[in-house]
Amino acid sequence: MTPEEMERRVLYRDGLMLVIDKPAGLAVHRGPKGGESLEDFFAALRFGLPRAPALAHRLDRDTSGCLVLGRHRKALAHLGLLFKHGRIGKTYWAVVEGGPDAGEGRIDLALGRLDVSRGWWMKPDPKGQPAVTAWQVLGRAAAMQEERSGDEPAALSWLALEPLTGRTHQLRVHCAAMGWPIVGDAIYGTAPRHGGPTLHLHARDVVVPLNPRREPIRVVAPVPEHMRERLAACGWVDDAAIQAAVD
């Protein structure tokens, strides 16, 4: 990441808020072990203000897509309340192994910490915090050739996931618990810890009712390179490529 690359990742900007396209594989803030983080480059996003913007919410290290930043303290407080009260809409795209039989549904499965030694790892726990995810199948396909085993190809599904609550790793744990883990999930799924595909979870769009007298702001993040092949196999069509062909 460079300051110039960070600027190119801005998807939306106004006086209160920025939405950037977070890359997969980079933590949003520095953890206890240190290392580079996305926050290290926020100074490039001041755009004339005296202070750098700050995180209004979080995305996992390996999740890509829409990340909301507040440009100053008052904006951060406002955005924090919107997130806290579930006013901000978030839709994720995921490619999962296998997939549900139905076309849409809802997962209502409480989550708790796996154990104190595993940091933020989570598990289904009836005594945990309520967690609800709405899902819809957008497409299906056979798995990529290199992942096939046996006589029958494994299936892939392209899902739209809407977290109605905001628990840590909620989408990853919910999908795995339903029997269709997210491709590339080395914690809750079947991916190897090293050398496997990148997590196929993308914060596709965010809808922010920033001003009560105006229409909510909807921002869409482009599909990351590591998800394009499997999404295309499931029926996704790159609108930009179609437009370029027409032009």
Protein backbone atom coordinates (compact mmCIF):
# COMPACT_ATOMS: atom_id res chain seq x y z
CA MET A 1 0.00 0.00 0.00
CA THR A 2 1.17 3.52 -0.84
CA PRO A 3 -0.49 6.90 -0.21
CA GLU A 4 -1.30 7.09 -3.92
CA GLU A 5 -2.87 3.63 -3.93
CA MET A 6 -4.90 4.57 -0.84
CA GLU A 7 -6.28 7.64 -2.63
CA ARG A 8 -7.23 5.51 -5.64
CA ARG A 9 -9.24 3.26 -3.31
CA VAL A 10 -11.65 6.03 -2.30
CA LEU A 11 -15.13 5.10 -3.54
CA TYR A 12 -17.06 7.97 -1.96
CA ARG A 13 -16.20 11.25 -0.27
CA ASP A 14 -18.11 14.12 1.29
CA GLY A 15 -17.56 16.45 4.25
CA LEU A 16 -18.44 13.80 6.83
CA MET A 17 -17.59 10.40 5.43
CA LEU A 18 -15.27 8.44 3.20
CA VAL A 19 -15.90 4.94 1.88
CA ILE A 20 -12.83 3.10 0.68
CA ASP A 21 -12.31 -0.22 -1.08
CA LYS A 22 -10.35 -2.26 1.46
CA PRO A 23 -7.99 -4.85 -0.04
CA ALA A 24 -8.03 -8.41 1.27
CA GLY A 25 -5.04 -9.45 3.37
CA LEU A 26 -4.42 -6.15 5.17
CA ALA A 27 -5.66 -5.55 8.73
CA VAL A 28 -7.64 -2.36 9.27
CA HIS A 29 -5.68 -1.50 12.41
CA ARG A 30 -2.46 -2.62 14.06
CA GLY A 31 -2.89 -5.68 16.26
CA PRO A 32 -1.00 -6.69 19.42
CA LYS A 33 1.75 -8.23 17.28
CA GLY A 34 2.25 -5.02 15.30
CA GLY A 35 2.74 -5.01 11.54
CA GLU A 36 1.43 -2.82 8.75
CA SER A 37 -2.24 -1.85 8.79
CA LEU A 38 -4.64 0.18 6.68
CA GLU A 39 -4.75 2.90 9.35
CA ASP A 40 -1.07 3.62 8.69
CA PHE A 41 -2.08 5.24 5.40
CA PHE A 42 -5.11 7.27 6.48
CA ALA A 43 -3.06 10.49 6.51
CA ALA A 44 -3.25 10.37 2.71
CA LEU A 45 -7.03 10.78 3.01
CA ARG A 46 -7.22 14.09 4.88
CA PHE A 47 -8.15 16.03 1.72
CA GLY A 48 -7.50 19.37 3.37
CA LEU A 49 -8.70 18.56 6.90
CA PRO A 50 -6.27 18.87 9.81
CA ARG A 51 -6.71 15.26 10.97
CA ALA A 52 -6.76 11.93 9.21
CA PRO A 53 -10.11 10.08 9.05
CA ALA A 54 -10.80 7.20 11.41
CA LEU A 55 -12.59 3.85 11.28
CA ALA A 56 -16.36 3.92 11.77
CA HIS A 57 -16.49 0.09 11.81
CA ARG A 58 -14.24 -2.90 11.07
CA LEU A 59 -13.66 -5.54 8.42
CA ASP A 60 -11.63 -8.73 8.93
CA ARG A 61 -8.08 -8.79 7.60
CA ASP A 62 -9.01 -11.12 4.72
CA THR A 63 -12.34 -9.45 3.86
CA SER A 64 -12.34 -6.93 1.02
CA GLY A 65 -14.71 -4.13 0.05
CA CYS A 66 -16.60 -1.16 1.47
CA LEU A 67 -15.07 0.32 4.62
CA VAL A 68 -16.62 3.46 6.14
CA LEU A 69 -14.44 6.20 7.68
CA GLY A 70 -15.50 9.29 9.59
CA ARG A 71 -13.64 12.47 8.64
CA HIS A 72 -13.80 14.14 12.07
CA ARG A 73 -15.02 13.47 15.61
CA LYS A 74 -18.58 14.69 15.12
CA ALA A 75 -18.95 12.59 11.98
CA LEU A 76 -17.53 9.53 13.75
CA ALA A 77 -20.01 9.93 16.59
CA HIS A 78 -22.90 10.18 14.13
CA LEU A 79 -21.76 7.16 12.13
CA GLY A 80 -21.16 5.22 15.34
CA LEU A 81 -24.79 5.71 16.37
CA LEU A 82 -26.02 4.66 12.92
CA PHE A 83 -24.00 1.44 13.11
CA LYS A 84 -24.98 0.80 16.72
CA HIS A 85 -28.70 1.05 15.96
CA GLY A 86 -28.55 -1.03 12.77
CA ARG A 87 -29.40 1.88 10.49
CA ILE A 88 -26.58 1.19 8.02
CA GLY A 89 -27.28 -1.50 5.44
CA LYS A 90 -24.45 -3.87 4.50
CA THR A 91 -24.46 -6.53 1.80
CA TYR A 92 -21.59 -8.96 1.36
CA TRP A 93 -20.90 -11.26 -1.55
CA ALA A 94 -19.45 -14.67 -0.77
CA VAL A 95 -18.58 -17.79 -2.73
CA VAL A 96 -19.25 -20.84 -0.58
CA GLU A 97 -18.55 -24.55 -0.89
CA GLY A 98 -21.73 -26.44 -1.64
CA GLY A 99 -24.63 -24.17 -0.82
CA PRO A 100 -28.19 -24.08 0.45
CA ASP A 101 -30.99 -25.97 -1.27
CA ALA A 102 -33.40 -23.03 -1.09
CA GLY A 103 -32.99 -19.72 -2.88
CA GLU A 104 -33.06 -17.50 0.19
CA GLY A 105 -33.38 -17.70 3.93
CA ARG A 106 -32.28 -16.52 7.33
CA ILE A 107 -29.76 -17.85 9.85
CA ASP A 108 -30.60 -17.19 13.49
CA LEU A 109 -27.72 -18.67 15.47
CA ALA A 110 -26.20 -17.14 18.60
CA LEU A 111 -22.41 -16.86 18.74
CA GLY A 112 -19.87 -16.95 21.56
CA ARG A 113 -16.10 -16.94 21.95
CA LEU A 114 -14.43 -20.23 21.05
CA ASP A 115 -12.14 -20.00 24.08
CA VAL A 116 -9.95 -17.37 25.70
CA SER A 117 -6.80 -18.65 23.98
CA ARG A 118 -8.19 -18.11 20.47
CA GLY A 119 -8.63 -14.35 20.54
CA TRP A 120 -11.59 -13.38 18.37
CA TRP A 121 -12.41 -16.86 17.05
CA MET A 122 -16.10 -17.62 17.50
CA LYS A 123 -18.44 -20.61 17.62
CA PRO A 124 -22.21 -21.29 17.67
CA ASP A 125 -23.29 -20.97 21.27
CA PRO A 126 -26.92 -20.97 22.47
CA LYS A 127 -25.78 -18.94 25.49
CA GLY A 128 -23.90 -16.44 23.31
CA GLN A 129 -24.98 -13.17 21.74
CA PRO A 130 -27.87 -13.21 19.23
CA ALA A 131 -26.68 -13.25 15.63
CA VAL A 132 -28.89 -13.11 12.53
CA THR A 133 -27.92 -13.25 8.84
CA ALA A 134 -30.22 -13.01 5.82
CA TRP A 135 -28.97 -14.74 2.68
CA GLN A 136 -29.90 -15.12 -0.99
CA VAL A 137 -28.43 -17.34 -3.68
CA LEU A 138 -27.31 -15.28 -6.69
CA GLY A 139 -25.77 -18.11 -8.70
CA ARG A 140 -24.39 -21.64 -8.62
CA ALA A 141 -21.63 -23.61 -10.34
CA ALA A 142 -19.41 -26.65 -10.17
CA ALA A 143 -16.16 -26.09 -8.25
CA MET A 144 -12.98 -25.07 -10.01
CA GLN A 145 -11.27 -27.99 -11.73
CA GLU A 146 -8.30 -28.13 -9.36
CA GLU A 147 -10.64 -28.49 -6.38
CA ARG A 148 -12.62 -31.44 -7.73
CA SER A 149 -12.24 -34.86 -6.17
CA GLY A 150 -13.98 -38.16 -6.75
CA ASP A 151 -16.42 -38.84 -9.57
CA GLU A 152 -18.74 -35.88 -8.93
CA PRO A 153 -17.67 -32.21 -8.96
CA ALA A 154 -18.21 -30.24 -5.79
CA ALA A 155 -20.62 -27.32 -5.99
CA LEU A 156 -20.09 -23.63 -5.46
CA SER A 157 -22.70 -21.02 -4.65
CA TRP A 158 -22.58 -17.25 -4.94
CA LEU A 159 -24.45 -15.71 -2.01
CA ALA A 160 -25.55 -12.24 -0.98
CA LEU A 161 -25.26 -12.05 2.81
CA GLU A 162 -26.85 -9.36 4.95
CA PRO A 163 -25.73 -9.31 8.59
CA LEU A 164 -28.68 -8.10 10.65
CA THR A 165 -26.43 -8.10 13.71
CA GLY A 166 -22.74 -7.28 13.87
CA ARG A 167 -20.96 -10.12 15.67
CA THR A 168 -17.31 -10.91 15.11
CA HIS A 169 -16.79 -13.36 12.20
CA GLN A 170 -20.60 -13.71 12.02
CA LEU A 171 -20.89 -14.47 8.30
CA ARG A 172 -17.99 -16.91 8.33
CA VAL A 173 -19.28 -18.86 11.34
CA HIS A 174 -22.89 -18.85 10.12
CA CYS A 175 -21.99 -20.17 6.66
CA ALA A 176 -19.72 -22.87 8.09
CA ALA A 177 -22.36 -23.92 10.63
CA MET A 178 -24.91 -24.35 7.83
CA GLY A 179 -22.56 -26.71 6.00
CA TRP A 180 -21.45 -24.31 3.28
CA PRO A 181 -18.18 -22.67 4.44
CA ILE A 182 -16.80 -19.68 2.56
CA VAL A 183 -14.11 -20.52 0.01
CA GLY A 184 -10.68 -19.70 1.41
CA ASP A 185 -11.74 -19.72 5.07
CA ALA A 186 -8.83 -21.34 6.90
CA ILE A 187 -10.37 -20.86 10.36
CA TYR A 188 -13.96 -22.06 10.00
CA GLY A 189 -13.83 -23.75 6.59
CA THR A 190 -11.76 -26.35 4.78
CA ALA A 191 -9.02 -24.17 3.31
CA PRO A 192 -5.42 -24.92 4.34
CA ARG A 193 -3.71 -22.45 6.65
CA HIS A 194 -1.12 -21.69 3.99
CA GLY A 195 -1.23 -21.81 0.20
CA GLY A 196 -5.00 -21.91 -0.22
CA PRO A 197 -7.26 -19.40 -1.98
CA THR A 198 -7.86 -15.98 -0.44
CA LEU A 199 -11.08 -15.67 1.56
CA HIS A 200 -13.99 -15.15 -0.86
CA LEU A 201 -15.90 -12.63 1.26
CA HIS A 202 -16.44 -9.12 -0.10
CA ALA A 203 -18.30 -6.16 1.42
CA ARG A 204 -20.11 -5.42 -1.82
CA ASP A 205 -22.17 -2.40 -0.81
CA VAL A 206 -23.07 -0.16 2.07
CA VAL A 207 -26.13 2.09 2.45
CA VAL A 208 -25.75 5.02 4.84
CA PRO A 209 -28.67 7.31 5.81
CA LEU A 210 -26.28 10.15 6.56
CA ASN A 211 -28.83 12.96 6.27
CA PRO A 212 -32.46 12.36 7.33
CA ARG A 213 -33.70 14.82 4.68
CA ARG A 214 -31.86 13.16 1.80
CA GLU A 215 -31.79 9.76 0.15
CA PRO A 216 -29.39 7.27 1.78
CA ILE A 217 -25.94 7.09 0.23
CA ARG A 218 -25.25 3.75 -1.47
CA VAL A 219 -21.67 2.82 -2.31
CA VAL A 220 -20.64 -0.30 -4.25
CA ALA A 221 -17.15 -1.81 -4.20
CA PRO A 222 -15.80 -3.49 -7.36
CA VAL A 223 -15.25 -7.24 -7.30
CA PRO A 224 -11.66 -8.04 -6.22
CA GLU A 225 -9.40 -9.93 -8.57
CA HIS A 226 -9.19 -13.05 -6.39
CA MET A 227 -12.98 -13.60 -6.53
CA ARG A 228 -13.62 -12.90 -10.19
CA GLU A 229 -13.01 -16.39 -11.58
CA ARG A 230 -15.26 -18.25 -9.15
CA LEU A 231 -17.97 -15.60 -9.31
CA ALA A 232 -17.94 -15.78 -13.11
CA ALA A 233 -18.32 -19.56 -12.88
CA CYS A 234 -21.43 -18.94 -10.75
CA GLY A 235 -22.92 -16.58 -13.33
CA TRP A 236 -21.57 -13.16 -12.36
CA VAL A 237 -21.06 -10.87 -15.34
CA ASP A 238 -18.61 -7.99 -15.19
CA ASP A 239 -20.65 -4.92 -16.14
CA ALA A 240 -17.50 -2.90 -16.79
CA ALA A 241 -16.29 -5.46 -19.34
CA ILE A 242 -19.66 -5.42 -21.10
CA GLN A 243 -19.63 -1.61 -21.26
CA ALA A 244 -16.07 -1.60 -22.59
CA ALA A 245 -17.06 -4.06 -25.32
CA VAL A 246 -20.03 -1.88 -26.28
CA ASP A 247 -17.90 1.27 -26.39
